[in-house]
Amino acid sequence: MDISLDGQTAIVTGASAGIGAETARKLAASGANVVLAARSEDRLNELAAALSPHDGETLVVPTNVRDEMAVNALIDVTVETFGGIDILVNNAGLSRGSEVADLSTEAYETMQETNVDGVFYATRAAIPHVREREGHLVFLGSFAGQYPRSFNPVYAASKWWTRGFAKSVAAQVGDDGVGVTVINPAEVRSEFQATDGRTFAEVFEKGEASEPREVADAIVFAVSRERSSLSEIDINRRDKFADNF
């Protein structure tokens, strides 16, 4: 896609791998300044080096989205460096365990704090700045956030929350010219863990599930809309519904 985001500034959480890293690449290729946020500073620095040939600037901000103060610092340093925020991509998320009866409190709290609290912290801190520029908020939902699950119910519940939160935020900021989009991927060949502990890249061969670049393309397309807002984009492998209905 030939999309220009010249002069815009985008924050991507969970930018160190998978969908986040590929989204950062696509945003940088479109001319945006990209702020890379994740816990792994080494990976972020490697990605930043790979983005250096593009016209926009890249800023590495190691961030644990479970930490409210760290998220506030991420927003502050972005505004200090680039003068504002046009795009926030709430991508950081994880899955731990599956059976409720066997799920530890630690695993439960880790999912909640990352998939729910982290999204809230980042969105709350970014909204005033995104409003100023009539920018865009992106929320990574999931197929699991649309259809009831017999497995991994806590992760699924966190993604149902994400969709509900995003749509309610849209009702608050739409009159201010802010776009809000929920991206709902099914399985994506990345380092994200399946319920058996393997990554989706290990579970699926190439061509059997979506690739991170496909999700990244959808995100960049959504944030490039000037006056419209794509409410939701679903990205599923072509046989997904045959497995579920």
Protein backbone atom coordinates (compact mmCIF):
# COMPACT_ATOMS: atom_id res chain seq x y z
CA MET A 1 0.00 0.00 0.00
CA ASP A 2 1.20 3.49 -0.85
CA ILE A 3 0.28 5.28 2.38
CA SER A 4 1.94 8.43 3.69
CA LEU A 5 2.05 9.20 7.40
CA ASP A 6 4.79 11.80 7.05
CA GLY A 7 5.18 13.92 10.15
CA GLN A 8 2.91 11.78 12.32
CA THR A 9 4.06 10.16 15.52
CA ALA A 10 2.99 6.65 16.49
CA ILE A 11 3.52 4.65 19.67
CA VAL A 12 3.49 0.85 19.39
CA THR A 13 3.36 -1.20 22.59
CA GLY A 14 4.64 -4.75 22.49
CA ALA A 15 6.90 -3.63 19.65
CA SER A 16 9.73 -6.09 20.21
CA ALA A 17 8.32 -8.96 18.11
CA GLY A 18 5.45 -10.27 16.03
CA ILE A 19 2.58 -7.96 15.18
CA GLY A 20 4.12 -5.06 17.10
CA ALA A 21 7.46 -5.20 15.34
CA GLU A 22 5.88 -5.59 11.93
CA THR A 23 3.51 -2.69 12.63
CA ALA A 24 6.47 -0.52 13.57
CA ARG A 25 8.15 -1.43 10.28
CA LYS A 26 5.05 -0.57 8.26
CA LEU A 27 4.53 2.73 10.09
CA ALA A 28 8.16 3.71 9.59
CA ALA A 29 7.97 2.79 5.91
CA SER A 30 4.97 5.12 5.65
CA GLY A 31 7.04 8.01 7.00
CA ALA A 32 5.88 8.13 10.61
CA ASN A 33 8.03 8.76 13.65
CA VAL A 34 7.77 5.52 15.62
CA VAL A 35 8.10 5.05 19.36
CA LEU A 36 8.99 1.46 20.23
CA ALA A 37 7.73 0.28 23.61
CA ALA A 38 8.27 -3.17 25.14
CA ARG A 39 10.24 -4.77 27.97
CA SER A 40 13.13 -6.08 25.84
CA GLU A 41 15.47 -3.15 25.25
CA ASP A 42 17.91 -5.24 23.19
CA ARG A 43 15.21 -6.27 20.74
CA LEU A 44 13.90 -2.71 20.50
CA ASN A 45 17.38 -1.41 19.71
CA GLU A 46 17.79 -4.03 16.98
CA LEU A 47 14.46 -3.03 15.47
CA ALA A 48 15.30 0.66 15.70
CA ALA A 49 18.52 0.04 13.78
CA ALA A 50 16.53 -1.76 11.07
CA LEU A 51 14.17 1.22 10.79
CA SER A 52 16.92 3.82 10.51
CA PRO A 53 16.90 4.03 6.67
CA HIS A 54 13.35 5.43 6.73
CA ASP A 55 12.68 9.17 6.81
CA GLY A 56 10.90 9.24 10.16
CA GLU A 57 12.68 9.11 13.50
CA THR A 58 12.63 6.15 15.89
CA LEU A 59 12.60 6.34 19.67
CA VAL A 60 13.22 3.35 21.95
CA VAL A 61 11.42 3.49 25.29
CA PRO A 62 11.71 0.24 27.29
CA THR A 63 8.30 -0.09 28.96
CA ASN A 64 6.40 -2.62 31.02
CA VAL A 65 2.75 -1.73 30.36
CA ARG A 66 1.79 -3.32 33.69
CA ASP A 67 3.57 -0.41 35.40
CA GLU A 68 1.38 2.71 35.45
CA MET A 69 4.29 5.08 36.03
CA ALA A 70 6.30 3.53 33.21
CA VAL A 71 3.40 3.99 30.81
CA ASN A 72 2.98 7.62 31.87
CA ALA A 73 6.70 8.15 31.28
CA LEU A 74 6.35 6.60 27.81
CA ILE A 75 3.68 9.13 26.88
CA ASP A 76 5.60 12.03 28.42
CA VAL A 77 8.88 11.30 26.65
CA THR A 78 7.05 10.86 23.34
CA VAL A 79 5.43 14.29 23.65
CA GLU A 80 8.69 15.86 24.78
CA THR A 81 10.54 14.38 21.80
CA PHE A 82 8.02 14.80 19.01
CA GLY A 83 5.62 17.45 20.29
CA GLY A 84 2.56 15.23 20.36
CA ILE A 85 0.99 11.88 19.52
CA ASP A 86 -1.04 10.99 16.44
CA ILE A 87 -1.37 7.21 16.81
CA LEU A 88 -1.41 4.79 19.71
CA VAL A 89 -1.30 1.08 18.91
CA ASN A 90 -2.28 -0.91 22.01
CA ASN A 91 -0.64 -4.16 20.96
CA ALA A 92 1.05 -5.52 24.10
CA GLY A 93 -0.68 -8.67 25.30
CA LEU A 94 -0.06 -12.22 26.40
CA SER A 95 -1.66 -15.54 27.24
CA ARG A 96 -0.90 -17.82 30.17
CA GLY A 97 -2.45 -21.22 30.84
CA SER A 98 -5.93 -22.39 29.87
CA GLU A 99 -7.91 -24.39 32.45
CA VAL A 100 -9.45 -22.09 35.05
CA ALA A 101 -9.21 -24.74 37.79
CA ASP A 102 -5.46 -25.02 37.22
CA LEU A 103 -4.65 -21.35 36.54
CA SER A 104 -2.44 -19.78 39.18
CA THR A 105 -3.27 -16.41 40.66
CA GLU A 106 0.05 -15.13 39.35
CA ALA A 107 -0.77 -16.16 35.77
CA TYR A 108 -4.26 -14.68 36.05
CA GLU A 109 -2.97 -11.37 37.39
CA THR A 110 -0.23 -11.19 34.75
CA MET A 111 -2.80 -11.50 31.97
CA GLN A 112 -5.15 -8.99 33.55
CA GLU A 113 -2.43 -6.46 34.28
CA THR A 114 -1.00 -6.71 30.75
CA ASN A 115 -4.09 -7.14 28.58
CA VAL A 116 -6.44 -4.91 30.56
CA ASP A 117 -4.58 -2.54 32.88
CA GLY A 118 -1.83 -1.80 30.36
CA VAL A 119 -4.36 -0.88 27.68
CA PHE A 120 -6.19 1.39 30.12
CA TYR A 121 -3.02 3.13 31.32
CA ALA A 122 -1.76 3.84 27.80
CA THR A 123 -5.12 4.96 26.45
CA ARG A 124 -5.85 7.23 29.40
CA ALA A 125 -2.46 8.93 29.16
CA ALA A 126 -2.54 9.27 25.37
CA ILE A 127 -6.09 10.55 24.84
CA PRO A 128 -5.42 14.27 25.53
CA HIS A 129 -2.54 14.29 23.04
CA VAL A 130 -4.32 12.24 20.38
CA ARG A 131 -7.32 14.58 20.72
CA GLU A 132 -5.13 17.58 19.96
CA ARG A 133 -4.11 16.07 16.64
CA GLU A 134 -7.40 14.30 15.80
CA GLY A 135 -5.39 11.11 15.66
CA HIS A 136 -6.15 7.44 16.05
CA LEU A 137 -6.36 4.82 18.81
CA VAL A 138 -5.87 1.18 17.81
CA PHE A 139 -6.73 -1.76 20.04
CA LEU A 140 -5.54 -5.30 19.35
CA GLY A 141 -8.52 -7.48 20.05
CA SER A 142 -8.84 -11.10 18.99
CA PHE A 143 -11.15 -13.70 17.53
CA ALA A 144 -11.28 -14.83 21.16
CA GLY A 145 -12.83 -11.48 22.04
CA GLN A 146 -15.77 -12.08 19.71
CA TYR A 147 -16.77 -15.71 20.27
CA PRO A 148 -17.08 -17.73 23.50
CA ARG A 149 -14.20 -20.09 24.16
CA SER A 150 -13.98 -23.49 25.78
CA PHE A 151 -10.25 -22.93 26.29
CA ASN A 152 -8.16 -20.03 27.58
CA PRO A 153 -11.19 -18.19 29.01
CA VAL A 154 -9.24 -15.56 30.97
CA TYR A 155 -7.39 -14.44 27.86
CA ALA A 156 -10.68 -14.43 25.95
CA ALA A 157 -12.33 -12.36 28.67
CA SER A 158 -9.53 -9.80 28.52
CA LYS A 159 -10.14 -9.39 24.79
CA TRP A 160 -13.90 -9.05 25.29
CA TRP A 161 -13.00 -6.26 27.71
CA THR A 162 -10.72 -4.69 25.10
CA ARG A 163 -13.52 -4.54 22.52
CA GLY A 164 -16.00 -3.10 25.00
CA PHE A 165 -13.52 -0.55 26.28
CA ALA A 166 -12.51 0.53 22.78
CA LYS A 167 -16.08 1.03 21.61
CA SER A 168 -16.95 3.00 24.74
CA VAL A 169 -13.85 5.17 24.27
CA ALA A 170 -14.92 5.75 20.67
CA ALA A 171 -18.21 7.15 21.98
CA GLN A 172 -16.27 9.60 24.14
CA VAL A 173 -13.68 10.82 21.63
CA GLY A 174 -15.45 10.53 18.28
CA ASP A 175 -16.86 14.06 18.49
CA ASP A 176 -13.29 15.28 18.91
CA GLY A 177 -12.24 13.78 15.58
CA VAL A 178 -10.38 10.80 17.05
CA GLY A 179 -10.55 7.51 15.17
CA VAL A 180 -10.83 4.24 17.08
CA THR A 181 -10.24 0.82 15.52
CA VAL A 182 -10.30 -2.68 16.98
CA ILE A 183 -8.22 -5.25 15.09
CA ASN A 184 -9.37 -8.83 15.68
CA PRO A 185 -6.84 -11.40 14.45
CA ALA A 186 -7.31 -15.12 14.84
CA GLU A 187 -4.11 -17.18 14.91
CA VAL A 188 -1.04 -15.28 13.72
CA ARG A 189 2.30 -16.97 13.02
CA SER A 190 4.32 -15.20 15.70
CA GLU A 191 5.90 -15.82 19.10
CA PHE A 192 2.49 -15.58 20.78
CA GLN A 193 1.83 -18.72 22.80
CA ALA A 194 -0.86 -21.27 22.01
CA THR A 195 -2.57 -23.02 24.91
CA ASP A 196 -0.09 -25.92 24.81
CA GLY A 197 2.87 -23.62 25.36
CA ARG A 198 4.14 -23.68 21.79
CA THR A 199 4.21 -20.49 19.74
CA PHE A 200 1.82 -20.03 16.84
CA ALA A 201 4.87 -19.93 14.58
CA GLU A 202 5.61 -23.47 15.73
CA VAL A 203 2.01 -24.69 15.53
CA PHE A 204 1.25 -23.42 12.02
CA GLU A 205 3.24 -23.86 8.86
CA LYS A 206 3.58 -20.92 6.50
CA GLY A 207 0.28 -20.43 4.70
CA GLU A 208 -1.80 -22.11 7.42
CA ALA A 209 -2.45 -18.95 9.47
CA SER A 210 -2.15 -15.19 9.16
CA GLU A 211 1.25 -13.53 9.13
CA PRO A 212 2.14 -10.50 11.32
CA ARG A 213 2.55 -8.34 8.22
CA GLU A 214 -1.10 -8.90 7.29
CA VAL A 215 -2.23 -7.54 10.64
CA ALA A 216 0.24 -4.67 10.39
CA ASP A 217 -1.12 -3.77 6.93
CA ALA A 218 -4.62 -3.56 8.40
CA ILE A 219 -3.44 -1.32 11.23
CA VAL A 220 -1.63 1.09 8.93
CA PHE A 221 -4.61 1.18 6.57
CA ALA A 222 -6.92 2.01 9.48
CA VAL A 223 -4.81 4.84 10.89
CA SER A 224 -4.34 6.38 7.45
CA ARG A 225 -8.07 7.23 7.15
CA GLU A 226 -8.34 10.99 7.45
CA ARG A 227 -11.98 11.55 8.40
CA SER A 228 -13.45 8.07 8.71
CA SER A 229 -12.95 5.44 11.38
CA LEU A 230 -12.88 1.72 10.69
CA SER A 231 -14.64 0.37 13.75
CA GLU A 232 -13.39 -3.23 13.52
CA ILE A 233 -11.27 -5.32 11.20
CA ASP A 234 -11.37 -9.12 11.49
CA ILE A 235 -8.42 -11.12 10.18
CA ASN A 236 -8.95 -14.89 10.05
CA ARG A 237 -7.45 -17.78 8.22
CA ARG A 238 -9.88 -18.80 5.48
CA ASP A 239 -11.00 -22.02 7.12
CA LYS A 240 -11.47 -20.47 10.58
CA PHE A 241 -15.25 -20.55 10.66
CA ALA A 242 -15.37 -24.10 9.38
CA ASP A 243 -13.66 -25.10 12.63
CA ASN A 244 -16.08 -23.23 14.85
CA PHE A 245 -19.56 -23.61 13.43
